[in-house]
């Protein structure tokens, strides 16, 4: 739906008298500017995604390291102490 609307808007702009006033090089400059901005936006989004993924992997590595400290401990020693039972008479 959005692509068809965009295509229709582009065709409408090409058929208007303002588009006729633009010579071929000027139209190329405008399209180059749009592609340049599009490339910058995509590059920024890609770098942001890579940095977020790297930060997440570092966080997971820190959690695994923290868990490794306690890896030798187990719950077997928890029954070392007996609980006191009160006898009711």
PDB file of N, CA and C in Angstrom:
ATOM      1  N   UNK A   1       0.825  -1.190   0.000  1.00  0.00           N
ATOM      2  CA  UNK A   1       0.000   0.000   0.000  1.00  0.00           C
ATOM      3  C   UNK A   1       0.869   1.254   0.000  1.00  0.00           C
ATOM      4  N   UNK A   2       1.843   1.294   0.903  1.00  0.00           N
ATOM      5  CA  UNK A   2       2.718   2.461   1.017  1.00  0.00           C
ATOM      6  C   UNK A   2       3.604   2.624  -0.206  1.00  0.00           C
ATOM      7  N   UNK A   3       4.044   1.507  -0.790  1.00  0.00           N
ATOM      8  CA  UNK A   3       4.907   1.568  -1.964  1.00  0.00           C
ATOM      9  C   UNK A   3       4.127   2.090  -3.173  1.00  0.00           C
ATOM     10  N   UNK A   4       2.885   1.685  -3.275  1.00  0.00           N
ATOM     11  CA  UNK A   4       2.062   2.172  -4.392  1.00  0.00           C
ATOM     12  C   UNK A   4       1.791   3.666  -4.263  1.00  0.00           C
ATOM     13  N   UNK A   5       1.557   4.103  -3.026  1.00  0.00           N
ATOM     14  CA  UNK A   5       1.321   5.527  -2.791  1.00  0.00           C
ATOM     15  C   UNK A   5       2.570   6.330  -3.120  1.00  0.00           C
ATOM     16  N   UNK A   6       3.717   5.814  -2.731  1.00  0.00           N
ATOM     17  CA  UNK A   6       4.978   6.493  -3.020  1.00  0.00           C
ATOM     18  C   UNK A   6       5.246   6.551  -4.523  1.00  0.00           C
ATOM     19  N   UNK A   7       4.970   5.461  -5.205  1.00  0.00           N
ATOM     20  CA  UNK A   7       5.152   5.425  -6.652  1.00  0.00           C
ATOM     21  C   UNK A   7       4.206   6.395  -7.350  1.00  0.00           C
ATOM     22  N   UNK A   8       2.971   6.460  -6.883  1.00  0.00           N
ATOM     23  CA  UNK A   8       2.001   7.382  -7.471  1.00  0.00           C
ATOM     24  C   UNK A   8       2.420   8.837  -7.246  1.00  0.00           C
ATOM     25  N   UNK A   9       2.936   9.127  -6.045  1.00  0.00           N
ATOM     26  CA  UNK A   9       3.387  10.488  -5.752  1.00  0.00           C
ATOM     27  C   UNK A   9       4.590  10.857  -6.618  1.00  0.00           C
ATOM     28  N   UNK A  10       5.494   9.908  -6.823  1.00  0.00           N
ATOM     29  CA  UNK A  10       6.666  10.170  -7.658  1.00  0.00           C
ATOM     30  C   UNK A  10       6.255  10.423  -9.106  1.00  0.00           C
ATOM     31  N   UNK A  11       5.323   9.625  -9.618  1.00  0.00           N
ATOM     32  CA  UNK A  11       4.851   9.832 -10.999  1.00  0.00           C
ATOM     33  C   UNK A  11       4.124  11.162 -11.140  1.00  0.00           C
ATOM     34  N   UNK A  12       3.352  11.526 -10.125  1.00  0.00           N
ATOM     35  CA  UNK A  12       2.637  12.802 -10.168  1.00  0.00           C
ATOM     36  C   UNK A  12       3.621  13.966 -10.184  1.00  0.00           C
ATOM     37  N   UNK A  13       4.686  13.852  -9.409  1.00  0.00           N
ATOM     38  CA  UNK A  13       5.694  14.914  -9.383  1.00  0.00           C
ATOM     39  C   UNK A  13       6.431  15.016 -10.714  1.00  0.00           C
ATOM     40  N   UNK A  14       6.637  13.896 -11.373  1.00  0.00           N
ATOM     41  CA  UNK A  14       7.333  13.927 -12.652  1.00  0.00           C
ATOM     42  C   UNK A  14       6.475  14.544 -13.759  1.00  0.00           C
ATOM     43  N   UNK A  15       5.156  14.503 -13.630  1.00  0.00           N
ATOM     44  CA  UNK A  15       4.284  15.058 -14.670  1.00  0.00           C
ATOM     45  C   UNK A  15       3.908  16.520 -14.441  1.00  0.00           C
ATOM     46  N   UNK A  16       4.304  17.087 -13.324  1.00  0.00           N
ATOM     47  CA  UNK A  16       3.962  18.489 -13.049  1.00  0.00           C
ATOM     48  C   UNK A  16       4.904  19.421 -13.792  1.00  0.00           C
ATOM     49  N   UNK A  17       4.494  20.672 -14.011  1.00  0.00           N
ATOM     50  CA  UNK A  17       5.361  21.636 -14.694  1.00  0.00           C
ATOM     51  C   UNK A  17       6.644  21.944 -13.915  1.00  0.00           C
ATOM     52  N   UNK A  18       6.613  21.811 -12.601  1.00  0.00           N
ATOM     53  CA  UNK A  18       7.828  22.070 -11.821  1.00  0.00           C
ATOM     54  C   UNK A  18       8.908  21.048 -12.171  1.00  0.00           C
ATOM     55  N   UNK A  19       8.493  19.832 -12.443  1.00  0.00           N
ATOM     56  CA  UNK A  19       9.467  18.809 -12.820  1.00  0.00           C
ATOM     57  C   UNK A  19      10.041  19.097 -14.197  1.00  0.00           C
ATOM     58  N   UNK A  20       9.242  19.723 -15.048  1.00  0.00           N
ATOM     59  CA  UNK A  20       9.745  20.081 -16.373  1.00  0.00           C
ATOM     60  C   UNK A  20      10.785  21.173 -16.292  1.00  0.00           C
ATOM     61  N   UNK A  21      10.705  22.002 -15.258  1.00  0.00           N
ATOM     62  CA  UNK A  21      11.670  23.086 -15.099  1.00  0.00           C
ATOM     63  C   UNK A  21      13.040  22.536 -14.710  1.00  0.00           C
ATOM     64  N   UNK A  22      13.040  21.396 -14.066  1.00  0.00           N
ATOM     65  CA  UNK A  22      14.323  20.792 -13.702  1.00  0.00           C
ATOM     66  C   UNK A  22      14.940  20.152 -14.930  1.00  0.00           C
ATOM     67  N   UNK A  23      16.162  20.489 -15.145  1.00  0.00           N
ATOM     68  CA  UNK A  23      16.874  19.838 -16.232  1.00  0.00           C
ATOM     69  C   UNK A  23      17.398  18.504 -15.717  1.00  0.00           C
ATOM     70  N   UNK A  24      17.887  17.690 -16.572  1.00  0.00           N
ATOM     71  CA  UNK A  24      18.320  16.355 -16.189  1.00  0.00           C
ATOM     72  C   UNK A  24      19.416  16.344 -15.119  1.00  0.00           C
ATOM     73  N   UNK A  25      20.454  17.179 -15.175  1.00  0.00           N
ATOM     74  CA  UNK A  25      21.482  17.145 -14.126  1.00  0.00           C
ATOM     75  C   UNK A  25      20.943  17.524 -12.743  1.00  0.00           C
ATOM     76  N   UNK A  26      20.038  18.500 -12.706  1.00  0.00           N
ATOM     77  CA  UNK A  26      19.496  18.903 -11.409  1.00  0.00           C
ATOM     78  C   UNK A  26      18.693  17.772 -10.783  1.00  0.00           C
ATOM     79  N   UNK A  27      17.957  17.053 -11.595  1.00  0.00           N
ATOM     80  CA  UNK A  27      17.192  15.926 -11.093  1.00  0.00           C
ATOM     81  C   UNK A  27      18.139  14.852 -10.553  1.00  0.00           C
ATOM     82  N   UNK A  28      19.242  14.640 -11.235  1.00  0.00           N
ATOM     83  CA  UNK A  28      20.231  13.667 -10.761  1.00  0.00           C
ATOM     84  C   UNK A  28      20.844  14.112  -9.436  1.00  0.00           C
ATOM     85  N   UNK A  29      21.098  15.427  -9.280  1.00  0.00           N
ATOM     86  CA  UNK A  29      21.655  15.927  -8.034  1.00  0.00           C
ATOM     87  C   UNK A  29      20.686  15.702  -6.879  1.00  0.00           C
ATOM     88  N   UNK A  30      19.408  15.929  -7.140  1.00  0.00           N
ATOM     89  CA  UNK A  30      18.399  15.722  -6.096  1.00  0.00           C
ATOM     90  C   UNK A  30      18.332  14.246  -5.715  1.00  0.00           C
ATOM     91  N   UNK A  31      18.324  13.380  -6.716  1.00  0.00           N
ATOM     92  CA  UNK A  31      18.279  11.950  -6.427  1.00  0.00           C
ATOM     93  C   UNK A  31      19.540  11.485  -5.716  1.00  0.00           C
ATOM     94  N   UNK A  32      20.686  12.031  -6.097  1.00  0.00           N
ATOM     95  CA  UNK A  32      21.933  11.694  -5.408  1.00  0.00           C
ATOM     96  C   UNK A  32      21.893  12.126  -3.948  1.00  0.00           C
ATOM     97  N   UNK A  33      21.345  13.298  -3.682  1.00  0.00           N
ATOM     98  CA  UNK A  33      21.240  13.783  -2.303  1.00  0.00           C
ATOM     99  C   UNK A  33      20.327  12.871  -1.484  1.00  0.00           C
ATOM    100  N   UNK A  34      19.217  12.442  -2.082  1.00  0.00           N
ATOM    101  CA  UNK A  34      18.301  11.545  -1.377  1.00  0.00           C
ATOM    102  C   UNK A  34      18.991  10.218  -1.089  1.00  0.00           C
ATOM    103  N   UNK A  35      19.688   9.663  -2.060  1.00  0.00           N
ATOM    104  CA  UNK A  35      20.399   8.403  -1.841  1.00  0.00           C
ATOM    105  C   UNK A  35      21.519   8.557  -0.822  1.00  0.00           C
ATOM    106  N   UNK A  36      22.196   9.692  -0.826  1.00  0.00           N
ATOM    107  CA  UNK A  36      23.253   9.944   0.140  1.00  0.00           C
ATOM    108  C   UNK A  36      22.693   9.969   1.563  1.00  0.00           C
ATOM    109  N   UNK A  37      21.583  10.685   1.756  1.00  0.00           N
ATOM    110  CA  UNK A  37      20.957  10.733   3.082  1.00  0.00           C
ATOM    111  C   UNK A  37      20.449   9.356   3.500  1.00  0.00           C
ATOM    112  N   UNK A  38      19.888   8.625   2.567  1.00  0.00           N
ATOM    113  CA  UNK A  38      19.414   7.274   2.836  1.00  0.00           C
ATOM    114  C   UNK A  38      20.576   6.375   3.278  1.00  0.00           C
ATOM    115  N   UNK A  39      21.703   6.491   2.615  1.00  0.00           N
ATOM    116  CA  UNK A  39      22.886   5.718   2.991  1.00  0.00           C
ATOM    117  C   UNK A  39      23.394   6.079   4.372  1.00  0.00           C
ATOM    118  N   UNK A  40      23.381   7.358   4.710  1.00  0.00           N
ATOM    119  CA  UNK A  40      23.819   7.795   6.037  1.00  0.00           C
ATOM    120  C   UNK A  40      22.895   7.232   7.110  1.00  0.00           C
ATOM    121  N   UNK A  41      21.592   7.313   6.881  1.00  0.00           N
ATOM    122  CA  UNK A  41      20.631   6.805   7.866  1.00  0.00           C
ATOM    123  C   UNK A  41      20.808   5.299   8.060  1.00  0.00           C
ATOM    124  N   UNK A  42      20.956   4.561   6.967  1.00  0.00           N
ATOM    125  CA  UNK A  42      21.147   3.119   7.084  1.00  0.00           C
ATOM    126  C   UNK A  42      22.445   2.775   7.799  1.00  0.00           C
ATOM    127  N   UNK A  43      23.499   3.528   7.534  1.00  0.00           N
ATOM    128  CA  UNK A  43      24.777   3.292   8.195  1.00  0.00           C
ATOM    129  C   UNK A  43      24.666   3.545   9.695  1.00  0.00           C
ATOM    130  N   UNK A  44      24.001   4.610  10.074  1.00  0.00           N
ATOM    131  CA  UNK A  44      23.813   4.917  11.501  1.00  0.00           C
ATOM    132  C   UNK A  44      23.003   3.815  12.179  1.00  0.00           C
ATOM    133  N   UNK A  45      21.935   3.370  11.543  1.00  0.00           N
ATOM    134  CA  UNK A  45      21.122   2.310  12.133  1.00  0.00           C
ATOM    135  C   UNK A  45      21.906   1.003  12.246  1.00  0.00           C
ATOM    136  N   UNK A  46      22.723   0.698  11.247  1.00  0.00           N
ATOM    137  CA  UNK A  46      23.531  -0.518  11.277  1.00  0.00           C
ATOM    138  C   UNK A  46      24.559  -0.461  12.407  1.00  0.00           C
ATOM    139  N   UNK A  47      25.238   0.667  12.543  1.00  0.00           N
ATOM    140  CA  UNK A  47      26.234   0.807  13.614  1.00  0.00           C
ATOM    141  C   UNK A  47      25.565   0.734  14.983  1.00  0.00           C
ATOM    142  N   UNK A  48      24.420   1.333  15.117  1.00  0.00           N
ATOM    143  CA  UNK A  48      23.682   1.284  16.381  1.00  0.00           C
ATOM    144  C   UNK A  48      23.327  -0.161  16.728  1.00  0.00           C
ATOM    145  N   UNK A  49      22.883  -0.910  15.735  1.00  0.00           N
ATOM    146  CA  UNK A  49      22.545  -2.309  15.946  1.00  0.00           C
ATOM    147  C   UNK A  49      23.770  -3.113  16.366  1.00  0.00           C
ATOM    148  N   UNK A  50      24.909  -2.870  15.731  1.00  0.00           N
ATOM    149  CA  UNK A  50      26.136  -3.591  16.078  1.00  0.00           C
ATOM    150  C   UNK A  50      26.595  -3.254  17.496  1.00  0.00           C
ATOM    151  N   UNK A  51      26.521  -1.968  17.888  1.00  0.00           N
ATOM    152  CA  UNK A  51      26.941  -1.587  19.224  1.00  0.00           C
ATOM    153  C   UNK A  51      26.014  -2.170  20.282  1.00  0.00           C
ATOM    154  N   UNK A  52      24.712  -2.200  20.014  1.00  0.00           N
ATOM    155  CA  UNK A  52      23.778  -2.783  20.970  1.00  0.00           C
ATOM    156  C   UNK A  52      24.005  -4.278  21.113  1.00  0.00           C
ATOM    157  N   UNK A  53      24.299  -4.955  20.015  1.00  0.00           N
ATOM    158  CA  UNK A  53      24.565  -6.395  20.072  1.00  0.00           C
ATOM    159  C   UNK A  53      25.854  -6.661  20.844  1.00  0.00           C
ATOM    160  N   UNK A  54      26.867  -5.845  20.640  1.00  0.00           N
ATOM    161  CA  UNK A  54      28.137  -6.011  21.356  1.00  0.00           C
ATOM    162  C   UNK A  54      27.935  -5.768  22.852  1.00  0.00           C
ATOM    163  N   UNK A  55      27.156  -4.753  23.205  1.00  0.00           N
ATOM    164  CA  UNK A  55      26.896  -4.449  24.611  1.00  0.00           C
ATOM    165  C   UNK A  55      26.136  -5.606  25.267  1.00  0.00           C
ATOM    166  N   UNK A  56      25.183  -6.174  24.543  1.00  0.00           N
ATOM    167  CA  UNK A  56      24.416  -7.300  25.071  1.00  0.00           C
ATOM    168  C   UNK A  56      25.310  -8.527  25.270  1.00  0.00           C
ATOM    169  N   UNK A  57      26.216  -8.791  24.329  1.00  0.00           N
ATOM    170  CA  UNK A  57      27.105  -9.942  24.476  1.00  0.00           C
ATOM    171  C   UNK A  57      28.072  -9.741  25.646  1.00  0.00           C
ATOM    172  N   UNK A  58      28.526  -8.518  25.866  1.00  0.00           N
ATOM    173  CA  UNK A  58      29.388  -8.244  27.017  1.00  0.00           C
ATOM    174  C   UNK A  58      28.635  -8.442  28.323  1.00  0.00           C
ATOM    175  N   UNK A  59      27.370  -8.027  28.348  1.00  0.00           N
ATOM    176  CA  UNK A  59      26.557  -8.187  29.554  1.00  0.00           C
ATOM    177  C   UNK A  59      26.347  -9.667  29.857  1.00  0.00           C
ATOM    178  N   UNK A  60      26.074 -10.450  28.823  1.00  0.00           N
ATOM    179  CA  UNK A  60      25.883 -11.889  29.018  1.00  0.00           C
ATOM    180  C   UNK A  60      27.178 -12.552  29.488  1.00  0.00           C
ATOM    181  N   UNK A  61      28.310 -12.118  28.941  1.00  0.00           N
ATOM    182  CA  UNK A  61      29.596 -12.678  29.358  1.00  0.00           C
ATOM    183  C   UNK A  61      29.870 -12.346  30.827  1.00  0.00           C
ATOM    184  N   UNK A  62      29.518 -11.153  31.259  1.00  0.00           N
ATOM    185  CA  UNK A  62      29.707 -10.769  32.660  1.00  0.00           C
ATOM    186  C   UNK A  62      28.805 -11.598  33.571  1.00  0.00           C
ATOM    187  N   UNK A  63      27.588 -11.871  33.135  1.00  0.00           N
ATOM    188  CA  UNK A  63      26.681 -12.702  33.928  1.00  0.00           C
ATOM    189  C   UNK A  63      27.209 -14.124  34.036  1.00  0.00           C
ATOM    190  N   UNK A  64      27.738 -14.671  32.937  1.00  0.00           N
ATOM    191  CA  UNK A  64      28.280 -16.027  32.968  1.00  0.00           C
ATOM    192  C   UNK A  64      29.505 -16.088  33.876  1.00  0.00           C
ATOM    193  N   UNK A  65      30.312 -15.037  33.853  1.00  0.00           N
ATOM    194  CA  UNK A  65      31.489 -14.999  34.700  1.00  0.00           C
ATOM    195  C   UNK A  65      31.068 -14.958  36.166  1.00  0.00           C
ATOM    196  N   UNK A  66      30.045 -14.182  36.464  1.00  0.00           N
ATOM    197  CA  UNK A  66      29.550 -14.078  37.834  1.00  0.00           C
ATOM    198  C   UNK A  66      28.971 -15.421  38.287  1.00  0.00           C
ATOM    199  N   UNK A  67      28.278 -16.102  37.400  1.00  0.00           N
ATOM    200  CA  UNK A  67      27.729 -17.410  37.738  1.00  0.00           C
ATOM    201  C   UNK A  67      28.843 -18.433  37.928  1.00  0.00           C
ATOM    202  N   UNK A  68      29.945 -18.288  37.214  1.00  0.00           N
ATOM    203  CA  UNK A  68      31.049 -19.229  37.323  1.00  0.00           C
ATOM    204  C   UNK A  68      31.713 -19.152  38.696  1.00  0.00           C
ATOM    205  N   UNK A  69      31.646 -18.020  39.350  1.00  0.00           N
ATOM    206  CA  UNK A  69      32.225 -17.874  40.686  1.00  0.00           C
ATOM    207  C   UNK A  69      31.521 -18.806  41.657  1.00  0.00           C
ATOM    208  N   UNK A  70      30.218 -18.929  41.520  1.00  0.00           N
ATOM    209  CA  UNK A  70      29.424 -19.740  42.425  1.00  0.00           C
ATOM    210  C   UNK A  70      29.170 -21.150  41.890  1.00  0.00           C
ATOM    211  N   UNK A  71      29.838 -21.531  40.821  1.00  0.00           N
ATOM    212  CA  UNK A  71      29.581 -22.827  40.202  1.00  0.00           C
ATOM    213  C   UNK A  71      29.967 -23.983  41.118  1.00  0.00           C
ATOM    214  N   UNK A  72      30.994 -23.846  41.936  1.00  0.00           N
ATOM    215  CA  UNK A  72      31.427 -24.925  42.818  1.00  0.00           C
ATOM    216  C   UNK A  72      30.521 -25.130  44.012  1.00  0.00           C
ATOM    217  N   UNK A  73      29.694 -24.172  44.313  1.00  0.00           N
ATOM    218  CA  UNK A  73      28.799 -24.287  45.461  1.00  0.00           C
ATOM    219  C   UNK A  73      27.565 -25.073  45.064  1.00  0.00           C
ATOM    220  N   UNK A  74      27.101 -25.881  45.974  1.00  0.00           N
ATOM    221  CA  UNK A  74      25.885 -26.631  45.681  1.00  0.00           C
ATOM    222  C   UNK A  74      24.952 -26.568  46.878  1.00  0.00           C
ATOM    223  N   UNK A  75      23.786 -27.043  46.703  1.00  0.00           N
ATOM    224  CA  UNK A  75      22.786 -27.016  47.767  1.00  0.00           C
ATOM    225  C   UNK A  75      22.886 -28.210  48.701  1.00  0.00           C
ATOM    226  N   UNK A  76      23.869 -29.083  48.518  1.00  0.00           N
ATOM    227  CA  UNK A  76      23.996 -30.268  49.357  1.00  0.00           C
ATOM    228  C   UNK A  76      24.315 -29.912  50.807  1.00  0.00           C
ATOM    229  N   UNK A  77      25.062 -28.874  51.013  1.00  0.00           N
ATOM    230  CA  UNK A  77      25.464 -28.504  52.365  1.00  0.00           C
ATOM    231  C   UNK A  77      24.390 -27.765  53.132  1.00  0.00           C
ATOM    232  N   UNK A  78      23.279 -27.534  52.550  1.00  0.00           N
ATOM    233  CA  UNK A  78      22.236 -26.784  53.233  1.00  0.00           C
ATOM    234  C   UNK A  78      21.596 -27.601  54.352  1.00  0.00           C
ATOM    235  N   UNK A  79      21.664 -28.907  54.287  1.00  0.00           N
ATOM    236  CA  UNK A  79      21.087 -29.759  55.314  1.00  0.00           C
ATOM    237  C   UNK A  79      22.077 -30.033  56.440  1.00  0.00           C
ATOM    238  N   UNK A  80      23.135 -29.275  56.525  1.00  0.00           N
ATOM    239  CA  UNK A  80      24.157 -29.489  57.529  1.00  0.00           C
ATOM    240  C   UNK A  80      23.588 -29.237  58.929  1.00  0.00           C
ATOM    241  N   UNK A  81      22.754 -28.263  59.036  1.00  0.00           N
ATOM    242  CA  UNK A  81      22.195 -27.919  60.329  1.00  0.00           C
ATOM    243  C   UNK A  81      20.804 -28.533  60.440  1.00  0.00           C
ATOM    244  N   UNK A  82      20.564 -29.182  61.565  1.00  0.00           N
ATOM    245  CA  UNK A  82      19.250 -29.766  61.795  1.00  0.00           C
ATOM    246  C   UNK A  82      18.340 -28.705  62.386  1.00  0.00           C
ATOM    247  N   UNK A  83      17.100 -28.802  62.026  1.00  0.00           N
ATOM    248  CA  UNK A  83      16.141 -27.844  62.604  1.00  0.00           C
ATOM    249  C   UNK A  83      15.673 -28.355  63.947  1.00  0.00           C
ATOM    250  N   UNK A  84      15.424 -27.465  64.842  1.00  0.00           N
ATOM    251  CA  UNK A  84      14.924 -27.828  66.173  1.00  0.00           C
ATOM    252  C   UNK A  84      13.437 -28.128  66.068  1.00  0.00           C
ATOM    253  N   UNK A  85      13.077 -29.203  66.660  1.00  0.00           N
ATOM    254  CA  UNK A  85      11.662 -29.557  66.681  1.00  0.00           C
ATOM    255  C   UNK A  85      11.170 -29.475  68.114  1.00  0.00           C
ATOM    256  N   UNK A  86      10.102 -28.776  68.273  1.00  0.00           N
ATOM    257  CA  UNK A  86       9.539 -28.592  69.619  1.00  0.00           C
ATOM    258  C   UNK A  86       8.569 -29.744  69.867  1.00  0.00           C
ATOM    259  N   UNK A  87       8.778 -30.420  71.011  1.00  0.00           N
ATOM    260  CA  UNK A  87       7.902 -31.521  71.352  1.00  0.00           C
ATOM    261  C   UNK A  87       6.778 -30.971  72.212  1.00  0.00           C
ATOM    262  N   UNK A  88       5.588 -31.242  71.822  1.00  0.00           N
ATOM    263  CA  UNK A  88       4.418 -30.813  72.589  1.00  0.00           C
ATOM    264  C   UNK A  88       4.012 -31.940  73.508  1.00  0.00           C
ATOM    265  N   UNK A  89       3.871 -31.644  74.810  1.00  0.00           N
ATOM    266  CA  UNK A  89       3.436 -32.694  75.706  1.00  0.00           C
ATOM    267  C   UNK A  89       2.072 -32.455  76.273  1.00  0.00           C
TER     268      UNK A  89
END
